[in-house]
Amino acid sequence: MFSIRLKQLREEKGYSQAVLARKLGVGQSTVGMWENGKNKPQNAKLEMLAEIFGVGTDYLLGRTDDRNGTGQHLSP
């Protein structure tokens, strides 16, 4: 779920992987691996992503469908 949401949010903002990578201080290949589901960011980068996109970390991780992270969590 994270990889899908990350790509969706990135595209909504009109950012390339390279632009997002620069904002985060990581390589473009790192963003690519996140979007392909081959890796996940550490907590600090996850929080930066949430801030950049104006969403909650729970939304990014697929724990809720509420972009603000204030709604109910999805059932496991």
PDB file of N, CA and C in Angstrom:
ATOM      1  N   MET A   1       0.822  -1.190   0.000  1.00  0.00           N
ATOM      2  CA  MET A   1       0.000   0.000   0.000  1.00  0.00           C
ATOM      3  C   MET A   1       0.868   1.255   0.000  1.00  0.00           C
ATOM      4  N   PHE A   2       1.959   1.232   0.775  1.00  0.00           N
ATOM      5  CA  PHE A   2       2.834   2.398   0.847  1.00  0.00           C
ATOM      6  C   PHE A   2       3.341   2.790  -0.538  1.00  0.00           C
ATOM      7  N   SER A   3       3.816   1.825  -1.299  1.00  0.00           N
ATOM      8  CA  SER A   3       4.402   2.124  -2.608  1.00  0.00           C
ATOM      9  C   SER A   3       3.381   2.773  -3.544  1.00  0.00           C
ATOM     10  N   ILE A   4       2.159   2.297  -3.502  1.00  0.00           N
ATOM     11  CA  ILE A   4       1.096   2.845  -4.356  1.00  0.00           C
ATOM     12  C   ILE A   4       0.772   4.274  -3.950  1.00  0.00           C
ATOM     13  N   ARG A   5       0.629   4.491  -2.668  1.00  0.00           N
ATOM     14  CA  ARG A   5       0.282   5.829  -2.184  1.00  0.00           C
ATOM     15  C   ARG A   5       1.405   6.824  -2.427  1.00  0.00           C
ATOM     16  N   LEU A   6       2.632   6.388  -2.242  1.00  0.00           N
ATOM     17  CA  LEU A   6       3.758   7.279  -2.476  1.00  0.00           C
ATOM     18  C   LEU A   6       3.774   7.752  -3.926  1.00  0.00           C
ATOM     19  N   LYS A   7       3.639   6.824  -4.858  1.00  0.00           N
ATOM     20  CA  LYS A   7       3.659   7.186  -6.269  1.00  0.00           C
ATOM     21  C   LYS A   7       2.491   8.103  -6.617  1.00  0.00           C
ATOM     22  N   GLN A   8       1.319   7.779  -6.094  1.00  0.00           N
ATOM     23  CA  GLN A   8       0.130   8.594  -6.350  1.00  0.00           C
ATOM     24  C   GLN A   8       0.326  10.026  -5.844  1.00  0.00           C
ATOM     25  N   LEU A   9       0.802  10.169  -4.636  1.00  0.00           N
ATOM     26  CA  LEU A   9       1.009  11.497  -4.060  1.00  0.00           C
ATOM     27  C   LEU A   9       2.092  12.266  -4.810  1.00  0.00           C
ATOM     28  N   ARG A  10       3.145  11.581  -5.183  1.00  0.00           N
ATOM     29  CA  ARG A  10       4.222  12.222  -5.935  1.00  0.00           C
ATOM     30  C   ARG A  10       3.702  12.753  -7.265  1.00  0.00           C
ATOM     31  N   GLU A  11       2.934  11.942  -7.951  1.00  0.00           N
ATOM     32  CA  GLU A  11       2.393  12.361  -9.246  1.00  0.00           C
ATOM     33  C   GLU A  11       1.374  13.490  -9.095  1.00  0.00           C
ATOM     34  N   GLU A  12       0.577  13.455  -8.028  1.00  0.00           N
ATOM     35  CA  GLU A  12      -0.383  14.533  -7.772  1.00  0.00           C
ATOM     36  C   GLU A  12       0.328  15.875  -7.606  1.00  0.00           C
ATOM     37  N   LYS A  13       1.493  15.849  -6.978  1.00  0.00           N
ATOM     38  CA  LYS A  13       2.278  17.073  -6.773  1.00  0.00           C
ATOM     39  C   LYS A  13       3.046  17.471  -8.031  1.00  0.00           C
ATOM     40  N   GLY A  14       3.124  16.562  -9.001  1.00  0.00           N
ATOM     41  CA  GLY A  14       3.871  16.836 -10.216  1.00  0.00           C
ATOM     42  C   GLY A  14       5.367  16.708 -10.048  1.00  0.00           C
ATOM     43  N   TYR A  15       5.789  15.958  -9.044  1.00  0.00           N
ATOM     44  CA  TYR A  15       7.213  15.757  -8.786  1.00  0.00           C
ATOM     45  C   TYR A  15       7.713  14.539  -9.551  1.00  0.00           C
ATOM     46  N   SER A  16       8.908  14.650 -10.087  1.00  0.00           N
ATOM     47  CA  SER A  16       9.585  13.462 -10.607  1.00  0.00           C
ATOM     48  C   SER A  16      10.214  12.744  -9.415  1.00  0.00           C
ATOM     49  N   GLN A  17      10.665  11.521  -9.648  1.00  0.00           N
ATOM     50  CA  GLN A  17      11.376  10.820  -8.578  1.00  0.00           C
ATOM     51  C   GLN A  17      12.622  11.599  -8.186  1.00  0.00           C
ATOM     52  N   ALA A  18      13.284  12.206  -9.159  1.00  0.00           N
ATOM     53  CA  ALA A  18      14.513  12.953  -8.887  1.00  0.00           C
ATOM     54  C   ALA A  18      14.242  14.166  -8.003  1.00  0.00           C
ATOM     55  N   VAL A  19      13.156  14.876  -8.271  1.00  0.00           N
ATOM     56  CA  VAL A  19      12.814  16.059  -7.470  1.00  0.00           C
ATOM     57  C   VAL A  19      12.501  15.643  -6.039  1.00  0.00           C
ATOM     58  N   LEU A  20      11.705  14.597  -5.882  1.00  0.00           N
ATOM     59  CA  LEU A  20      11.368  14.128  -4.537  1.00  0.00           C
ATOM     60  C   LEU A  20      12.621  13.661  -3.807  1.00  0.00           C
ATOM     61  N   ALA A  21      13.478  12.968  -4.508  1.00  0.00           N
ATOM     62  CA  ALA A  21      14.720  12.487  -3.897  1.00  0.00           C
ATOM     63  C   ALA A  21      15.557  13.649  -3.371  1.00  0.00           C
ATOM     64  N   ARG A  22      15.660  14.717  -4.152  1.00  0.00           N
ATOM     65  CA  ARG A  22      16.431  15.888  -3.702  1.00  0.00           C
ATOM     66  C   ARG A  22      15.814  16.503  -2.450  1.00  0.00           C
ATOM     67  N   LYS A  23      14.495  16.578  -2.399  1.00  0.00           N
ATOM     68  CA  LYS A  23      13.826  17.146  -1.227  1.00  0.00           C
ATOM     69  C   LYS A  23      14.108  16.317   0.026  1.00  0.00           C
ATOM     70  N   LEU A  24      14.287  15.019  -0.163  1.00  0.00           N
ATOM     71  CA  LEU A  24      14.496  14.108   0.958  1.00  0.00           C
ATOM     72  C   LEU A  24      15.969  13.864   1.270  1.00  0.00           C
ATOM     73  N   GLY A  25      16.844  14.270   0.364  1.00  0.00           N
ATOM     74  CA  GLY A  25      18.264  14.020   0.562  1.00  0.00           C
ATOM     75  C   GLY A  25      18.649  12.575   0.337  1.00  0.00           C
ATOM     76  N   VAL A  26      17.957  11.916  -0.605  1.00  0.00           N
ATOM     77  CA  VAL A  26      18.268  10.528  -0.950  1.00  0.00           C
ATOM     78  C   VAL A  26      18.467  10.448  -2.460  1.00  0.00           C
ATOM     79  N   GLY A  27      18.910   9.308  -2.940  1.00  0.00           N
ATOM     80  CA  GLY A  27      19.081   9.108  -4.366  1.00  0.00           C
ATOM     81  C   GLY A  27      17.758   8.780  -5.051  1.00  0.00           C
ATOM     82  N   GLN A  28      17.696   9.065  -6.340  1.00  0.00           N
ATOM     83  CA  GLN A  28      16.495   8.748  -7.102  1.00  0.00           C
ATOM     84  C   GLN A  28      16.192   7.257  -7.054  1.00  0.00           C
ATOM     85  N   SER A  29      17.222   6.436  -7.055  1.00  0.00           N
ATOM     86  CA  SER A  29      17.014   4.987  -7.011  1.00  0.00           C
ATOM     87  C   SER A  29      16.334   4.567  -5.713  1.00  0.00           C
ATOM     88  N   THR A  30      16.581   5.304  -4.635  1.00  0.00           N
ATOM     89  CA  THR A  30      15.922   5.005  -3.359  1.00  0.00           C
ATOM     90  C   THR A  30      14.425   5.224  -3.475  1.00  0.00           C
ATOM     91  N   VAL A  31      14.028   6.351  -4.059  1.00  0.00           N
ATOM     92  CA  VAL A  31      12.601   6.619  -4.259  1.00  0.00           C
ATOM     93  C   VAL A  31      12.008   5.550  -5.169  1.00  0.00           C
ATOM     94  N   GLY A  32      12.737   5.171  -6.205  1.00  0.00           N
ATOM     95  CA  GLY A  32      12.274   4.115  -7.107  1.00  0.00           C
ATOM     96  C   GLY A  32      12.054   2.795  -6.389  1.00  0.00           C
ATOM     97  N   MET A  33      12.957   2.448  -5.488  1.00  0.00           N
ATOM     98  CA  MET A  33      12.801   1.199  -4.723  1.00  0.00           C
ATOM     99  C   MET A  33      11.592   1.278  -3.805  1.00  0.00           C
ATOM    100  N   TRP A  34      11.350   2.447  -3.204  1.00  0.00           N
ATOM    101  CA  TRP A  34      10.159   2.614  -2.361  1.00  0.00           C
ATOM    102  C   TRP A  34       8.903   2.421  -3.193  1.00  0.00           C
ATOM    103  N   GLU A  35       8.884   3.014  -4.385  1.00  0.00           N
ATOM    104  CA  GLU A  35       7.694   2.928  -5.234  1.00  0.00           C
ATOM    105  C   GLU A  35       7.496   1.536  -5.822  1.00  0.00           C
ATOM    106  N   ASN A  36       8.566   0.771  -5.950  1.00  0.00           N
ATOM    107  CA  ASN A  36       8.464  -0.603  -6.451  1.00  0.00           C
ATOM    108  C   ASN A  36       8.236  -1.618  -5.339  1.00  0.00           C
ATOM    109  N   GLY A  37       8.166  -1.135  -4.102  1.00  0.00           N
ATOM    110  CA  GLY A  37       7.919  -2.025  -2.974  1.00  0.00           C
ATOM    111  C   GLY A  37       9.122  -2.850  -2.569  1.00  0.00           C
ATOM    112  N   LYS A  38      10.305  -2.484  -3.046  1.00  0.00           N
ATOM    113  CA  LYS A  38      11.508  -3.244  -2.712  1.00  0.00           C
ATOM    114  C   LYS A  38      12.130  -2.808  -1.405  1.00  0.00           C
ATOM    115  N   ASN A  39      11.717  -1.654  -0.915  1.00  0.00           N
ATOM    116  CA  ASN A  39      12.268  -1.112   0.316  1.00  0.00           C
ATOM    117  C   ASN A  39      11.266  -0.124   0.887  1.00  0.00           C
ATOM    118  N   LYS A  40      11.396   0.184   2.159  1.00  0.00           N
ATOM    119  CA  LYS A  40      10.559   1.195   2.800  1.00  0.00           C
ATOM    120  C   LYS A  40      11.471   2.187   3.512  1.00  0.00           C
ATOM    121  N   PRO A  41      11.026   3.431   3.613  1.00  0.00           N
ATOM    122  CA  PRO A  41      11.866   4.434   4.269  1.00  0.00           C
ATOM    123  C   PRO A  41      11.920   4.243   5.779  1.00  0.00           C
ATOM    124  N   GLN A  42      12.996   4.736   6.361  1.00  0.00           N
ATOM    125  CA  GLN A  42      13.080   4.766   7.817  1.00  0.00           C
ATOM    126  C   GLN A  42      12.122   5.837   8.320  1.00  0.00           C
ATOM    127  N   ASN A  43      11.842   5.815   9.606  1.00  0.00           N
ATOM    128  CA  ASN A  43      10.842   6.713  10.191  1.00  0.00           C
ATOM    129  C   ASN A  43      11.077   8.189   9.887  1.00  0.00           C
ATOM    130  N   ALA A  44      12.312   8.638   9.940  1.00  0.00           N
ATOM    131  CA  ALA A  44      12.594  10.058   9.695  1.00  0.00           C
ATOM    132  C   ALA A  44      12.183  10.457   8.282  1.00  0.00           C
ATOM    133  N   LYS A  45      12.473   9.611   7.299  1.00  0.00           N
ATOM    134  CA  LYS A  45      12.104   9.907   5.911  1.00  0.00           C
ATOM    135  C   LYS A  45      10.592   9.765   5.718  1.00  0.00           C
ATOM    136  N   LEU A  46       9.983   8.833   6.407  1.00  0.00           N
ATOM    137  CA  LEU A  46       8.530   8.674   6.337  1.00  0.00           C
ATOM    138  C   LEU A  46       7.830   9.942   6.834  1.00  0.00           C
ATOM    139  N   GLU A  47       8.338  10.486   7.919  1.00  0.00           N
ATOM    140  CA  GLU A  47       7.770  11.727   8.458  1.00  0.00           C
ATOM    141  C   GLU A  47       7.986  12.894   7.501  1.00  0.00           C
ATOM    142  N   MET A  48       9.145  12.935   6.849  1.00  0.00           N
ATOM    143  CA  MET A  48       9.399  13.982   5.859  1.00  0.00           C
ATOM    144  C   MET A  48       8.432  13.854   4.684  1.00  0.00           C
ATOM    145  N   LEU A  49       8.198  12.633   4.238  1.00  0.00           N
ATOM    146  CA  LEU A  49       7.251  12.411   3.141  1.00  0.00           C
ATOM    147  C   LEU A  49       5.859  12.893   3.523  1.00  0.00           C
ATOM    148  N   ALA A  50       5.434  12.561   4.730  1.00  0.00           N
ATOM    149  CA  ALA A  50       4.116  12.983   5.193  1.00  0.00           C
ATOM    150  C   ALA A  50       4.013  14.504   5.197  1.00  0.00           C
ATOM    151  N   GLU A  51       5.065  15.163   5.633  1.00  0.00           N
ATOM    152  CA  GLU A  51       5.072  16.626   5.674  1.00  0.00           C
ATOM    153  C   GLU A  51       5.045  17.217   4.265  1.00  0.00           C
ATOM    154  N   ILE A  52       5.841  16.673   3.370  1.00  0.00           N
ATOM    155  CA  ILE A  52       5.893  17.160   1.993  1.00  0.00           C
ATOM    156  C   ILE A  52       4.524  17.061   1.329  1.00  0.00           C
ATOM    157  N   PHE A  53       3.835  15.948   1.562  1.00  0.00           N
ATOM    158  CA  PHE A  53       2.562  15.712   0.888  1.00  0.00           C
ATOM    159  C   PHE A  53       1.349  16.164   1.701  1.00  0.00           C
ATOM    160  N   GLY A  54       1.570  16.599   2.922  1.00  0.00           N
ATOM    161  CA  GLY A  54       0.464  17.080   3.743  1.00  0.00           C
ATOM    162  C   GLY A  54      -0.515  15.989   4.147  1.00  0.00           C
ATOM    163  N   VAL A  55       0.025  14.809   4.426  1.00  0.00           N
ATOM    164  CA  VAL A  55      -0.802  13.678   4.851  1.00  0.00           C
ATOM    165  C   VAL A  55      -0.215  13.101   6.140  1.00  0.00           C
ATOM    166  N   GLY A  56      -0.974  12.235   6.774  1.00  0.00           N
ATOM    167  CA  GLY A  56      -0.481  11.550   7.963  1.00  0.00           C
ATOM    168  C   GLY A  56       0.339  10.327   7.586  1.00  0.00           C
ATOM    169  N   THR A  57       1.225   9.929   8.472  1.00  0.00           N
ATOM    170  CA  THR A  57       2.036   8.738   8.209  1.00  0.00           C
ATOM    171  C   THR A  57       1.162   7.485   8.125  1.00  0.00           C
ATOM    172  N   ASP A  58       0.084   7.441   8.889  1.00  0.00           N
ATOM    173  CA  ASP A  58      -0.812   6.288   8.813  1.00  0.00           C
ATOM    174  C   ASP A  58      -1.435   6.167   7.430  1.00  0.00           C
ATOM    175  N   TYR A  59      -1.728   7.290   6.783  1.00  0.00           N
ATOM    176  CA  TYR A  59      -2.249   7.254   5.414  1.00  0.00           C
ATOM    177  C   TYR A  59      -1.190   6.680   4.474  1.00  0.00           C
ATOM    178  N   LEU A  60       0.024   7.179   4.590  1.00  0.00           N
ATOM    179  CA  LEU A  60       1.104   6.684   3.730  1.00  0.00           C
ATOM    180  C   LEU A  60       1.304   5.178   3.883  1.00  0.00           C
ATOM    181  N   LEU A  61       1.190   4.696   5.101  1.00  0.00           N
ATOM    182  CA  LEU A  61       1.416   3.276   5.374  1.00  0.00           C
ATOM    183  C   LEU A  61       0.198   2.408   5.080  1.00  0.00           C
ATOM    184  N   GLY A  62      -0.918   3.023   4.706  1.00  0.00           N
ATOM    185  CA  GLY A  62      -2.117   2.257   4.384  1.00  0.00           C
ATOM    186  C   GLY A  62      -2.933   1.839   5.586  1.00  0.00           C
ATOM    187  N   ARG A  63      -2.692   2.466   6.722  1.00  0.00           N
ATOM    188  CA  ARG A  63      -3.430   2.123   7.943  1.00  0.00           C
ATOM    189  C   ARG A  63      -4.776   2.806   8.013  1.00  0.00           C
ATOM    190  N   THR A  64      -4.946   3.878   7.239  1.00  0.00           N
ATOM    191  CA  THR A  64      -6.206   4.612   7.185  1.00  0.00           C
ATOM    192  C   THR A  64      -6.369   5.188   5.786  1.00  0.00           C
ATOM    193  N   ASP A  65      -7.610   5.446   5.416  1.00  0.00           N
ATOM    194  CA  ASP A  65      -7.877   6.096   4.135  1.00  0.00           C
ATOM    195  C   ASP A  65      -8.023   7.601   4.300  1.00  0.00           C
ATOM    196  N   ASP A  66      -7.923   8.076   5.527  1.00  0.00           N
ATOM    197  CA  ASP A  66      -8.025   9.500   5.828  1.00  0.00           C
ATOM    198  C   ASP A  66      -6.652  10.135   5.629  1.00  0.00           C
ATOM    199  N   ARG A  67      -6.550  11.018   4.653  1.00  0.00           N
ATOM    200  CA  ARG A  67      -5.247  11.618   4.349  1.00  0.00           C
ATOM    201  C   ARG A  67      -4.665  12.402   5.508  1.00  0.00           C
ATOM    202  N   ASN A  68      -5.514  12.925   6.365  1.00  0.00           N
ATOM    203  CA  ASN A  68      -5.034  13.697   7.513  1.00  0.00           C
ATOM    204  C   ASN A  68      -4.615  12.810   8.671  1.00  0.00           C
ATOM    205  N   GLY A  69      -4.956  11.547   8.588  1.00  0.00           N
ATOM    206  CA  GLY A  69      -4.579  10.623   9.655  1.00  0.00           C
ATOM    207  C   GLY A  69      -5.401  10.736  10.902  1.00  0.00           C
ATOM    208  N   THR A  70      -6.528  11.433  10.816  1.00  0.00           N
ATOM    209  CA  THR A  70      -7.358  11.631  12.012  1.00  0.00           C
ATOM    210  C   THR A  70      -8.562  10.702  12.041  1.00  0.00           C
ATOM    211  N   GLY A  71      -8.784   9.952  10.969  1.00  0.00           N
ATOM    212  CA  GLY A  71      -9.960   9.087  10.890  1.00  0.00           C
ATOM    213  C   GLY A  71      -9.710   7.719  11.492  1.00  0.00           C
ATOM    214  N   GLN A  72     -10.667   6.838  11.282  1.00  0.00           N
ATOM    215  CA  GLN A  72     -10.556   5.498  11.823  1.00  0.00           C
ATOM    216  C   GLN A  72      -9.522   4.699  11.041  1.00  0.00           C
ATOM    217  N   HIS A  73      -8.876   3.819  11.746  1.00  0.00           N
ATOM    218  CA  HIS A  73      -7.902   2.936  11.124  1.00  0.00           C
ATOM    219  C   HIS A  73      -8.640   1.802  10.414  1.00  0.00           C
ATOM    220  N   LEU A  74      -8.006   1.275   9.367  1.00  0.00           N
ATOM    221  CA  LEU A  74      -8.569   0.161   8.636  1.00  0.00           C
ATOM    222  C   LEU A  74      -8.360  -1.121   9.435  1.00  0.00           C
ATOM    223  N   SER A  75      -9.265  -2.055   9.271  1.00  0.00           N
ATOM    224  CA  SER A  75      -9.142  -3.343   9.948  1.00  0.00           C
ATOM    225  C   SER A  75      -7.969  -4.111   9.378  1.00  0.00           C
ATOM    226  N   PRO A  76      -7.286  -4.881  10.224  1.00  0.00           N
ATOM    227  CA  PRO A  76      -6.126  -5.656   9.753  1.00  0.00           C
ATOM    228  C   PRO A  76      -6.506  -6.756   8.785  1.00  0.00           C
TER     229      PRO A  76
END
